[in-house]
Amino acid sequence: MLATLVMTVIGPDRPGLVELLAASVAQNGGNWLESRMCRLGGQFAGIVRAEISTENADKLVPALRSLETKGLRILTQTESGAGAKPAGSLALLELVGQDRPGILHQISRVLAAHSVNVEELSSERVSAPMDGNRLFQARATVLLPPSLSLASLRADLERIATDLMVDVELNPSSR
């Protein structure tokens, strides 16, 4: 029988961390299914999903814990099952504006109020091309529940965009 493990990983960034993690998964008979990883503030952070036999999962988890001696903290969670794909439609949310505290909080509050699930999110603070001011930009793939129209969500996001001083775009996703 197969188990699917979801692992979160964090540690001081340095070369070879992905190899350490991949070697532990492979040496214990696991199959690396998908991952998202990046360097943030000098830290290596990521999430990995791997498939492994239930017998080998009991060996893999302690092997992953042993990587703490090499600077990696890993939290594992057994996937609760693939289940049915959630109903609804995917949309791509993009925003950009002058950086200030609370932008993501206000945007996510609107999403939560409409029961919109954030499937994927990336954000960063960058220098504006002309004047060097700090801009906050975010890109998210969101899942709208079947009862919510894209136009309704867009209208609510646009209502707060002016107060936040951000440009917001919400369009159907091609994924």
N, C-alpha and C. Protein backbone atom coordinates (compact mmCIF):
# COMPACT_ATOMS: atom_id res chain seq x y z
N MET A 1 0.84 -1.17 0.00
CA MET A 1 0.00 0.00 0.00
C MET A 1 0.90 1.25 0.00
N LEU A 2 0.44 2.28 -0.72
CA LEU A 2 1.25 3.50 -0.83
C LEU A 2 0.72 4.60 0.07
N ALA A 3 1.65 5.39 0.56
CA ALA A 3 1.31 6.58 1.35
C ALA A 3 1.89 7.77 0.61
N THR A 4 1.25 8.90 0.79
CA THR A 4 1.78 10.14 0.23
C THR A 4 2.12 11.06 1.38
N LEU A 5 3.37 11.50 1.42
CA LEU A 5 3.84 12.41 2.46
C LEU A 5 3.99 13.81 1.89
N VAL A 6 3.56 14.77 2.66
CA VAL A 6 3.80 16.18 2.33
C VAL A 6 4.79 16.68 3.37
N MET A 7 5.89 17.25 2.90
CA MET A 7 6.96 17.70 3.79
C MET A 7 7.18 19.19 3.63
N THR A 8 7.30 19.88 4.73
CA THR A 8 7.75 21.28 4.69
C THR A 8 9.20 21.28 5.17
N VAL A 9 10.00 22.09 4.51
CA VAL A 9 11.44 22.09 4.73
C VAL A 9 11.91 23.52 4.93
N ILE A 10 12.79 23.73 5.91
CA ILE A 10 13.40 25.05 6.09
C ILE A 10 14.78 24.89 6.72
N GLY A 11 15.69 25.74 6.30
CA GLY A 11 17.03 25.74 6.87
C GLY A 11 17.87 26.82 6.23
N PRO A 12 18.99 27.17 6.86
CA PRO A 12 19.89 28.17 6.27
C PRO A 12 20.32 27.72 4.87
N ASP A 13 20.20 28.61 3.91
CA ASP A 13 20.48 28.26 2.52
C ASP A 13 21.96 27.96 2.31
N ARG A 14 22.20 26.91 1.54
CA ARG A 14 23.55 26.55 1.11
C ARG A 14 23.42 25.51 0.01
N PRO A 15 24.43 25.33 -0.81
CA PRO A 15 24.38 24.32 -1.86
C PRO A 15 24.22 22.91 -1.28
N GLY A 16 23.48 22.07 -1.97
CA GLY A 16 23.36 20.67 -1.61
C GLY A 16 22.15 20.29 -0.77
N LEU A 17 21.34 21.25 -0.36
CA LEU A 17 20.20 20.91 0.49
C LEU A 17 19.14 20.08 -0.24
N VAL A 18 18.87 20.42 -1.50
CA VAL A 18 17.90 19.63 -2.27
C VAL A 18 18.41 18.21 -2.44
N GLU A 19 19.71 18.06 -2.67
CA GLU A 19 20.28 16.72 -2.85
C GLU A 19 20.13 15.91 -1.57
N LEU A 20 20.36 16.50 -0.41
CA LEU A 20 20.18 15.80 0.86
C LEU A 20 18.76 15.26 1.00
N LEU A 21 17.80 16.12 0.70
CA LEU A 21 16.40 15.74 0.81
C LEU A 21 16.03 14.68 -0.23
N ALA A 22 16.46 14.90 -1.47
CA ALA A 22 16.15 13.94 -2.54
C ALA A 22 16.80 12.59 -2.28
N ALA A 23 18.01 12.58 -1.74
CA ALA A 23 18.69 11.33 -1.43
C ALA A 23 17.93 10.55 -0.36
N SER A 24 17.45 11.23 0.68
CA SER A 24 16.68 10.54 1.73
C SER A 24 15.42 9.92 1.17
N VAL A 25 14.73 10.66 0.32
CA VAL A 25 13.50 10.13 -0.29
C VAL A 25 13.84 8.91 -1.15
N ALA A 26 14.83 9.05 -2.03
CA ALA A 26 15.20 7.95 -2.94
C ALA A 26 15.74 6.74 -2.20
N GLN A 27 16.61 6.94 -1.22
CA GLN A 27 17.22 5.82 -0.49
C GLN A 27 16.19 5.02 0.29
N ASN A 28 15.05 5.62 0.57
CA ASN A 28 14.00 4.91 1.30
C ASN A 28 12.87 4.46 0.38
N GLY A 29 13.13 4.46 -0.93
CA GLY A 29 12.18 3.94 -1.90
C GLY A 29 11.04 4.87 -2.24
N GLY A 30 11.21 6.15 -1.95
CA GLY A 30 10.16 7.12 -2.23
C GLY A 30 10.25 7.67 -3.64
N ASN A 31 9.15 8.19 -4.12
CA ASN A 31 9.08 8.81 -5.43
C ASN A 31 8.67 10.28 -5.25
N TRP A 32 9.55 11.19 -5.62
CA TRP A 32 9.34 12.64 -5.50
C TRP A 32 8.28 13.02 -6.53
N LEU A 33 7.11 13.50 -6.09
CA LEU A 33 6.01 13.81 -7.00
C LEU A 33 5.98 15.26 -7.43
N GLU A 34 6.08 16.17 -6.48
CA GLU A 34 6.04 17.59 -6.81
C GLU A 34 6.64 18.39 -5.68
N SER A 35 7.04 19.62 -6.01
CA SER A 35 7.64 20.47 -4.97
C SER A 35 7.60 21.93 -5.39
N ARG A 36 7.72 22.79 -4.41
CA ARG A 36 7.91 24.23 -4.59
C ARG A 36 8.98 24.62 -3.59
N MET A 37 10.05 25.22 -4.05
CA MET A 37 11.16 25.58 -3.18
C MET A 37 11.75 26.91 -3.61
N CYS A 38 12.29 27.64 -2.64
CA CYS A 38 12.95 28.90 -2.98
C CYS A 38 13.82 29.37 -1.82
N ARG A 39 14.61 30.38 -2.10
CA ARG A 39 15.44 31.04 -1.10
C ARG A 39 14.70 32.28 -0.65
N LEU A 40 14.46 32.39 0.64
CA LEU A 40 13.77 33.55 1.21
C LEU A 40 14.57 34.05 2.40
N GLY A 41 15.04 35.29 2.34
CA GLY A 41 15.74 35.89 3.46
C GLY A 41 16.89 35.06 3.99
N GLY A 42 17.65 34.45 3.09
CA GLY A 42 18.80 33.64 3.51
C GLY A 42 18.43 32.24 3.93
N GLN A 43 17.15 31.92 3.92
CA GLN A 43 16.69 30.58 4.29
C GLN A 43 16.27 29.83 3.03
N PHE A 44 16.46 28.54 3.04
CA PHE A 44 15.94 27.66 2.01
C PHE A 44 14.62 27.15 2.55
N ALA A 45 13.55 27.34 1.80
CA ALA A 45 12.23 26.92 2.26
C ALA A 45 11.51 26.20 1.13
N GLY A 46 10.75 25.19 1.50
CA GLY A 46 10.03 24.47 0.47
C GLY A 46 8.99 23.53 1.00
N ILE A 47 8.26 23.00 0.06
CA ILE A 47 7.26 21.97 0.34
C ILE A 47 7.41 20.90 -0.73
N VAL A 48 7.35 19.65 -0.30
CA VAL A 48 7.57 18.51 -1.18
C VAL A 48 6.46 17.51 -0.95
N ARG A 49 6.02 16.88 -2.03
CA ARG A 49 5.05 15.79 -1.94
C ARG A 49 5.71 14.56 -2.55
N ALA A 50 5.75 13.46 -1.77
CA ALA A 50 6.40 12.23 -2.23
C ALA A 50 5.50 11.04 -1.93
N GLU A 51 5.60 10.05 -2.78
CA GLU A 51 4.85 8.80 -2.61
C GLU A 51 5.82 7.72 -2.16
N ILE A 52 5.36 6.89 -1.22
CA ILE A 52 6.23 5.86 -0.65
C ILE A 52 5.37 4.74 -0.10
N SER A 53 5.92 3.52 -0.07
CA SER A 53 5.16 2.42 0.53
C SER A 53 4.99 2.70 2.02
N THR A 54 3.91 2.20 2.59
CA THR A 54 3.66 2.47 4.02
C THR A 54 4.77 1.89 4.88
N GLU A 55 5.35 0.76 4.49
CA GLU A 55 6.46 0.19 5.27
C GLU A 55 7.67 1.11 5.25
N ASN A 56 7.99 1.64 4.08
CA ASN A 56 9.16 2.51 3.96
C ASN A 56 8.92 3.90 4.55
N ALA A 57 7.66 4.31 4.64
CA ALA A 57 7.36 5.61 5.24
C ALA A 57 7.83 5.64 6.69
N ASP A 58 7.72 4.49 7.36
CA ASP A 58 8.17 4.41 8.75
C ASP A 58 9.69 4.57 8.87
N LYS A 59 10.42 4.32 7.78
CA LYS A 59 11.87 4.51 7.76
C LYS A 59 12.24 5.92 7.28
N LEU A 60 11.44 6.43 6.35
CA LEU A 60 11.76 7.73 5.77
C LEU A 60 11.61 8.86 6.80
N VAL A 61 10.58 8.83 7.59
CA VAL A 61 10.35 9.93 8.54
C VAL A 61 11.54 10.11 9.50
N PRO A 62 12.07 9.04 10.12
CA PRO A 62 13.26 9.23 10.97
C PRO A 62 14.49 9.68 10.16
N ALA A 63 14.60 9.20 8.91
CA ALA A 63 15.73 9.63 8.07
C ALA A 63 15.65 11.13 7.80
N LEU A 64 14.45 11.63 7.59
CA LEU A 64 14.27 13.07 7.37
C LEU A 64 14.59 13.85 8.64
N ARG A 65 14.17 13.32 9.78
CA ARG A 65 14.47 14.00 11.05
C ARG A 65 15.97 14.08 11.29
N SER A 66 16.71 13.07 10.82
CA SER A 66 18.16 13.08 11.03
C SER A 66 18.84 14.20 10.24
N LEU A 67 18.16 14.77 9.25
CA LEU A 67 18.73 15.88 8.48
C LEU A 67 18.81 17.16 9.30
N GLU A 68 18.17 17.18 10.48
CA GLU A 68 18.27 18.35 11.36
C GLU A 68 19.72 18.60 11.76
N THR A 69 20.52 17.53 11.85
CA THR A 69 21.94 17.70 12.20
C THR A 69 22.69 18.43 11.08
N LYS A 70 22.09 18.46 9.87
CA LYS A 70 22.69 19.15 8.73
C LYS A 70 22.01 20.48 8.47
N GLY A 71 21.18 20.93 9.42
CA GLY A 71 20.58 22.26 9.32
C GLY A 71 19.19 22.32 8.71
N LEU A 72 18.61 21.19 8.36
CA LEU A 72 17.27 21.21 7.77
C LEU A 72 16.22 20.78 8.78
N ARG A 73 15.21 21.59 8.96
CA ARG A 73 14.06 21.18 9.77
C ARG A 73 12.97 20.73 8.81
N ILE A 74 12.44 19.54 9.04
CA ILE A 74 11.45 18.98 8.13
C ILE A 74 10.25 18.50 8.94
N LEU A 75 9.09 18.95 8.53
CA LEU A 75 7.84 18.53 9.12
C LEU A 75 7.12 17.68 8.09
N THR A 76 6.69 16.48 8.50
CA THR A 76 6.01 15.60 7.56
C THR A 76 4.54 15.42 7.97
N GLN A 77 3.72 15.28 6.96
CA GLN A 77 2.29 15.05 7.17
C GLN A 77 1.84 14.04 6.13
N THR A 78 1.14 13.01 6.56
CA THR A 78 0.60 12.05 5.61
C THR A 78 -0.62 12.66 4.95
N GLU A 79 -0.63 12.60 3.61
CA GLU A 79 -1.76 13.16 2.87
C GLU A 79 -3.02 12.41 3.24
N SER A 80 -4.09 13.13 3.43
CA SER A 80 -5.34 12.52 3.88
C SER A 80 -6.08 11.82 2.77
N GLY A 81 -5.54 11.77 1.60
CA GLY A 81 -6.17 11.12 0.46
C GLY A 81 -6.40 12.13 -0.64
N ALA A 82 -6.32 11.65 -1.85
CA ALA A 82 -6.46 12.54 -3.00
C ALA A 82 -7.85 13.16 -3.04
N GLY A 83 -8.86 12.36 -2.75
CA GLY A 83 -10.22 12.89 -2.71
C GLY A 83 -10.65 13.43 -4.06
N ALA A 84 -11.86 13.93 -4.10
CA ALA A 84 -12.39 14.51 -5.32
C ALA A 84 -11.83 15.91 -5.52
N LYS A 85 -11.67 16.25 -6.77
CA LYS A 85 -11.18 17.59 -7.08
C LYS A 85 -12.26 18.58 -6.65
N PRO A 86 -11.86 19.65 -5.93
CA PRO A 86 -12.86 20.62 -5.48
C PRO A 86 -13.59 21.26 -6.65
N ALA A 87 -14.87 21.51 -6.47
CA ALA A 87 -15.67 22.15 -7.51
C ALA A 87 -15.37 23.64 -7.53
N GLY A 88 -15.54 24.23 -8.68
CA GLY A 88 -15.34 25.66 -8.81
C GLY A 88 -14.49 25.96 -10.02
N SER A 89 -14.11 27.22 -10.14
CA SER A 89 -13.29 27.63 -11.28
C SER A 89 -12.04 28.36 -10.79
N LEU A 90 -10.97 28.15 -11.52
CA LEU A 90 -9.69 28.80 -11.18
C LEU A 90 -9.61 30.18 -11.80
N ALA A 91 -8.99 31.08 -11.07
CA ALA A 91 -8.75 32.43 -11.58
C ALA A 91 -7.34 32.86 -11.19
N LEU A 92 -6.81 33.79 -11.94
CA LEU A 92 -5.49 34.34 -11.67
C LEU A 92 -5.67 35.76 -11.14
N LEU A 93 -5.15 35.99 -9.94
CA LEU A 93 -5.22 37.29 -9.28
C LEU A 93 -3.82 37.89 -9.31
N GLU A 94 -3.70 39.10 -9.83
CA GLU A 94 -2.42 39.80 -9.85
C GLU A 94 -2.63 41.19 -9.28
N LEU A 95 -1.69 41.62 -8.45
CA LEU A 95 -1.78 42.97 -7.91
C LEU A 95 -0.39 43.58 -7.81
N VAL A 96 -0.37 44.90 -7.93
CA VAL A 96 0.87 45.65 -7.78
C VAL A 96 0.52 47.03 -7.24
N GLY A 97 1.35 47.52 -6.34
CA GLY A 97 1.12 48.85 -5.78
C GLY A 97 2.23 49.24 -4.84
N GLN A 98 2.18 50.48 -4.36
CA GLN A 98 3.16 50.96 -3.40
C GLN A 98 3.16 50.04 -2.19
N ASP A 99 4.33 49.62 -1.77
CA ASP A 99 4.42 48.71 -0.62
C ASP A 99 4.01 49.42 0.65
N ARG A 100 3.22 48.71 1.43
CA ARG A 100 2.84 49.17 2.76
C ARG A 100 2.26 47.98 3.51
N PRO A 101 2.31 48.01 4.83
CA PRO A 101 1.77 46.88 5.61
C PRO A 101 0.28 46.70 5.37
N GLY A 102 -0.15 45.43 5.35
CA GLY A 102 -1.57 45.11 5.32
C GLY A 102 -2.17 44.82 3.97
N ILE A 103 -1.44 44.98 2.88
CA ILE A 103 -2.02 44.76 1.55
C ILE A 103 -2.54 43.33 1.44
N LEU A 104 -1.69 42.36 1.71
CA LEU A 104 -2.10 40.97 1.55
C LEU A 104 -3.21 40.59 2.54
N HIS A 105 -3.17 41.18 3.72
CA HIS A 105 -4.22 40.91 4.70
C HIS A 105 -5.59 41.36 4.18
N GLN A 106 -5.66 42.55 3.62
CA GLN A 106 -6.93 43.07 3.13
C GLN A 106 -7.44 42.27 1.93
N ILE A 107 -6.54 41.92 1.03
CA ILE A 107 -6.93 41.13 -0.15
C ILE A 107 -7.41 39.75 0.29
N SER A 108 -6.65 39.11 1.19
CA SER A 108 -7.04 37.76 1.62
C SER A 108 -8.32 37.78 2.44
N ARG A 109 -8.60 38.89 3.10
CA ARG A 109 -9.87 39.01 3.84
C ARG A 109 -11.05 38.94 2.87
N VAL A 110 -10.94 39.61 1.73
CA VAL A 110 -12.01 39.57 0.72
C VAL A 110 -12.14 38.15 0.18
N LEU A 111 -11.02 37.51 -0.11
CA LEU A 111 -11.07 36.14 -0.62
C LEU A 111 -11.74 35.21 0.38
N ALA A 112 -11.35 35.30 1.63
CA ALA A 112 -11.93 34.44 2.67
C ALA A 112 -13.42 34.70 2.84
N ALA A 113 -13.84 35.95 2.76
CA ALA A 113 -15.26 36.29 2.91
C ALA A 113 -16.12 35.64 1.83
N HIS A 114 -15.50 35.36 0.68
CA HIS A 114 -16.21 34.71 -0.43
C HIS A 114 -15.92 33.21 -0.51
N SER A 115 -15.25 32.66 0.50
CA SER A 115 -14.87 31.23 0.51
C SER A 115 -14.00 30.85 -0.68
N VAL A 116 -13.14 31.77 -1.10
CA VAL A 116 -12.20 31.52 -2.19
C VAL A 116 -10.97 30.87 -1.59
N ASN A 117 -10.53 29.78 -2.20
CA ASN A 117 -9.34 29.07 -1.72
C ASN A 117 -8.11 29.52 -2.51
N VAL A 118 -7.04 29.87 -1.80
CA VAL A 118 -5.78 30.23 -2.46
C VAL A 118 -5.04 28.93 -2.77
N GLU A 119 -4.90 28.64 -4.04
CA GLU A 119 -4.22 27.42 -4.49
C GLU A 119 -2.71 27.61 -4.53
N GLU A 120 -2.29 28.79 -4.94
CA GLU A 120 -0.86 29.10 -5.05
C GLU A 120 -0.69 30.61 -4.93
N LEU A 121 0.35 31.03 -4.23
CA LEU A 121 0.59 32.46 -4.02
C LEU A 121 2.08 32.73 -4.05
N SER A 122 2.46 33.77 -4.78
CA SER A 122 3.84 34.26 -4.71
C SER A 122 3.76 35.78 -4.62
N SER A 123 4.67 36.34 -3.84
CA SER A 123 4.69 37.80 -3.68
C SER A 123 6.12 38.24 -3.47
N GLU A 124 6.35 39.52 -3.74
CA GLU A 124 7.68 40.08 -3.52
C GLU A 124 7.60 41.59 -3.46
N ARG A 125 8.63 42.16 -2.88
CA ARG A 125 8.78 43.61 -2.86
C ARG A 125 9.94 43.94 -3.79
N VAL A 126 9.70 44.86 -4.72
CA VAL A 126 10.70 45.22 -5.73
C VAL A 126 10.82 46.73 -5.83
N SER A 127 11.88 47.19 -6.47
CA SER A 127 12.05 48.63 -6.73
C SER A 127 11.29 49.00 -7.98
N ALA A 128 10.60 50.13 -7.92
CA ALA A 128 9.89 50.64 -9.10
C ALA A 128 10.91 51.04 -10.16
N PRO A 129 10.62 50.81 -11.43
CA PRO A 129 11.59 51.07 -12.49
C PRO A 129 12.04 52.53 -12.60
N MET A 130 11.15 53.48 -12.41
CA MET A 130 11.50 54.88 -12.65
C MET A 130 12.05 55.58 -11.42
N ASP A 131 11.39 55.45 -10.28
CA ASP A 131 11.78 56.25 -9.12
C ASP A 131 12.42 55.46 -7.98
N GLY A 132 12.46 54.14 -8.11
CA GLY A 132 13.10 53.32 -7.08
C GLY A 132 12.26 53.10 -5.84
N ASN A 133 11.03 53.65 -5.78
CA ASN A 133 10.15 53.37 -4.64
C ASN A 133 9.87 51.88 -4.56
N ARG A 134 9.47 51.43 -3.39
CA ARG A 134 9.20 50.01 -3.18
C ARG A 134 7.79 49.66 -3.62
N LEU A 135 7.70 48.66 -4.47
CA LEU A 135 6.42 48.14 -4.93
C LEU A 135 6.20 46.75 -4.33
N PHE A 136 4.95 46.47 -4.01
CA PHE A 136 4.57 45.12 -3.59
C PHE A 136 3.80 44.52 -4.76
N GLN A 137 4.19 43.30 -5.13
CA GLN A 137 3.44 42.63 -6.18
C GLN A 137 3.17 41.20 -5.76
N ALA A 138 2.01 40.73 -6.15
CA ALA A 138 1.59 39.38 -5.80
C ALA A 138 0.86 38.76 -6.98
N ARG A 139 0.97 37.46 -7.03
CA ARG A 139 0.29 36.67 -8.07
C ARG A 139 -0.25 35.43 -7.39
N ALA A 140 -1.54 35.17 -7.56
CA ALA A 140 -2.16 34.02 -6.91
C ALA A 140 -3.10 33.30 -7.86
N THR A 141 -3.10 32.00 -7.77
CA THR A 141 -4.12 31.20 -8.42
C THR A 141 -5.13 30.87 -7.34
N VAL A 142 -6.38 31.20 -7.59
CA VAL A 142 -7.43 31.01 -6.59
C VAL A 142 -8.55 30.15 -7.17
N LEU A 143 -9.22 29.43 -6.28
CA LEU A 143 -10.35 28.59 -6.68
C LEU A 143 -11.63 29.22 -6.16
N LEU A 144 -12.46 29.67 -7.08
CA LEU A 144 -13.74 30.27 -6.73
C LEU A 144 -14.78 29.18 -6.55
N PRO A 145 -15.60 29.25 -5.50
CA PRO A 145 -16.67 28.27 -5.35
C PRO A 145 -17.68 28.43 -6.50
N PRO A 146 -18.40 27.36 -6.83
CA PRO A 146 -19.34 27.41 -7.97
C PRO A 146 -20.38 28.53 -7.87
N SER A 147 -20.74 28.91 -6.66
CA SER A 147 -21.78 29.92 -6.47
C SER A 147 -21.27 31.36 -6.63
N LEU A 148 -19.98 31.56 -6.81
CA LEU A 148 -19.40 32.90 -6.89
C LEU A 148 -19.00 33.23 -8.31
N SER A 149 -19.43 34.38 -8.79
CA SER A 149 -19.04 34.81 -10.14
C SER A 149 -17.72 35.58 -10.06
N LEU A 150 -16.98 35.46 -11.11
CA LEU A 150 -15.71 36.19 -11.22
C LEU A 150 -15.97 37.69 -11.14
N ALA A 151 -17.03 38.16 -11.77
CA ALA A 151 -17.36 39.59 -11.76
C ALA A 151 -17.65 40.10 -10.36
N SER A 152 -18.34 39.31 -9.56
CA SER A 152 -18.67 39.71 -8.18
C SER A 152 -17.41 39.84 -7.34
N LEU A 153 -16.51 38.85 -7.44
CA LEU A 153 -15.27 38.91 -6.69
C LEU A 153 -14.41 40.07 -7.17
N ARG A 154 -14.34 40.26 -8.48
CA ARG A 154 -13.55 41.36 -9.04
C ARG A 154 -14.06 42.70 -8.51
N ALA A 155 -15.37 42.88 -8.45
CA ALA A 155 -15.95 44.14 -7.97
C ALA A 155 -15.55 44.40 -6.52
N ASP A 156 -15.60 43.37 -5.67
CA ASP A 156 -15.22 43.55 -4.27
C ASP A 156 -13.73 43.86 -4.12
N LEU A 157 -12.90 43.23 -4.93
CA LEU A 157 -11.46 43.51 -4.88
C LEU A 157 -11.17 44.93 -5.36
N GLU A 158 -11.85 45.36 -6.41
CA GLU A 158 -11.63 46.71 -6.93
C GLU A 158 -12.08 47.77 -5.93
N ARG A 159 -13.11 47.47 -5.12
CA ARG A 159 -13.57 48.43 -4.10
C ARG A 159 -12.47 48.75 -3.09
N ILE A 160 -11.68 47.74 -2.71
CA ILE A 160 -10.62 48.00 -1.71
C ILE A 160 -9.30 48.40 -2.36
N ALA A 161 -9.17 48.18 -3.66
CA ALA A 161 -7.90 48.48 -4.35
C ALA A 161 -7.53 49.96 -4.25
N THR A 162 -8.50 50.83 -4.33
CA THR A 162 -8.22 52.26 -4.25
C THR A 162 -7.66 52.63 -2.88
N ASP A 163 -8.30 52.12 -1.82
CA ASP A 163 -7.81 52.39 -0.46
C ASP A 163 -6.40 51.84 -0.26
N LEU A 164 -6.13 50.70 -0.87
CA LEU A 164 -4.82 50.07 -0.71
C LEU A 164 -3.77 50.67 -1.65
N MET A 165 -4.22 51.47 -2.61
CA MET A 165 -3.35 52.04 -3.64
C MET A 165 -2.64 50.94 -4.43
N VAL A 166 -3.43 49.96 -4.89
CA VAL A 166 -2.90 48.87 -5.71
C VAL A 166 -3.77 48.71 -6.96
N ASP A 167 -3.15 48.18 -7.99
CA ASP A 167 -3.89 47.76 -9.18
C ASP A 167 -4.14 46.28 -9.04
N VAL A 168 -5.39 45.87 -9.26
CA VAL A 168 -5.77 44.48 -9.11
C VAL A 168 -6.35 43.98 -10.43
N GLU A 169 -5.89 42.81 -10.85
CA GLU A 169 -6.46 42.15 -12.03
C GLU A 169 -6.91 40.76 -11.60
N LEU A 170 -8.09 40.35 -12.04
CA LEU A 170 -8.62 39.03 -11.77
C LEU A 170 -9.19 38.50 -13.06
N ASN A 171 -8.61 37.41 -13.55
CA ASN A 171 -9.02 36.84 -14.83
C ASN A 171 -9.13 35.33 -14.71
N PRO A 172 -9.93 34.72 -15.57
CA PRO A 172 -10.01 33.25 -15.56
C PRO A 172 -8.61 32.67 -15.80
N SER A 173 -8.33 31.55 -15.15
CA SER A 173 -7.03 30.90 -15.31
C SER A 173 -7.11 29.90 -16.45
N SER A 174 -6.01 29.76 -17.16
CA SER A 174 -5.94 28.79 -18.25
C SER A 174 -5.50 27.42 -17.78
N ARG A 175 -5.21 27.29 -16.47
CA ARG A 175 -4.77 25.99 -15.94
C ARG A 175 -5.91 25.04 -15.81
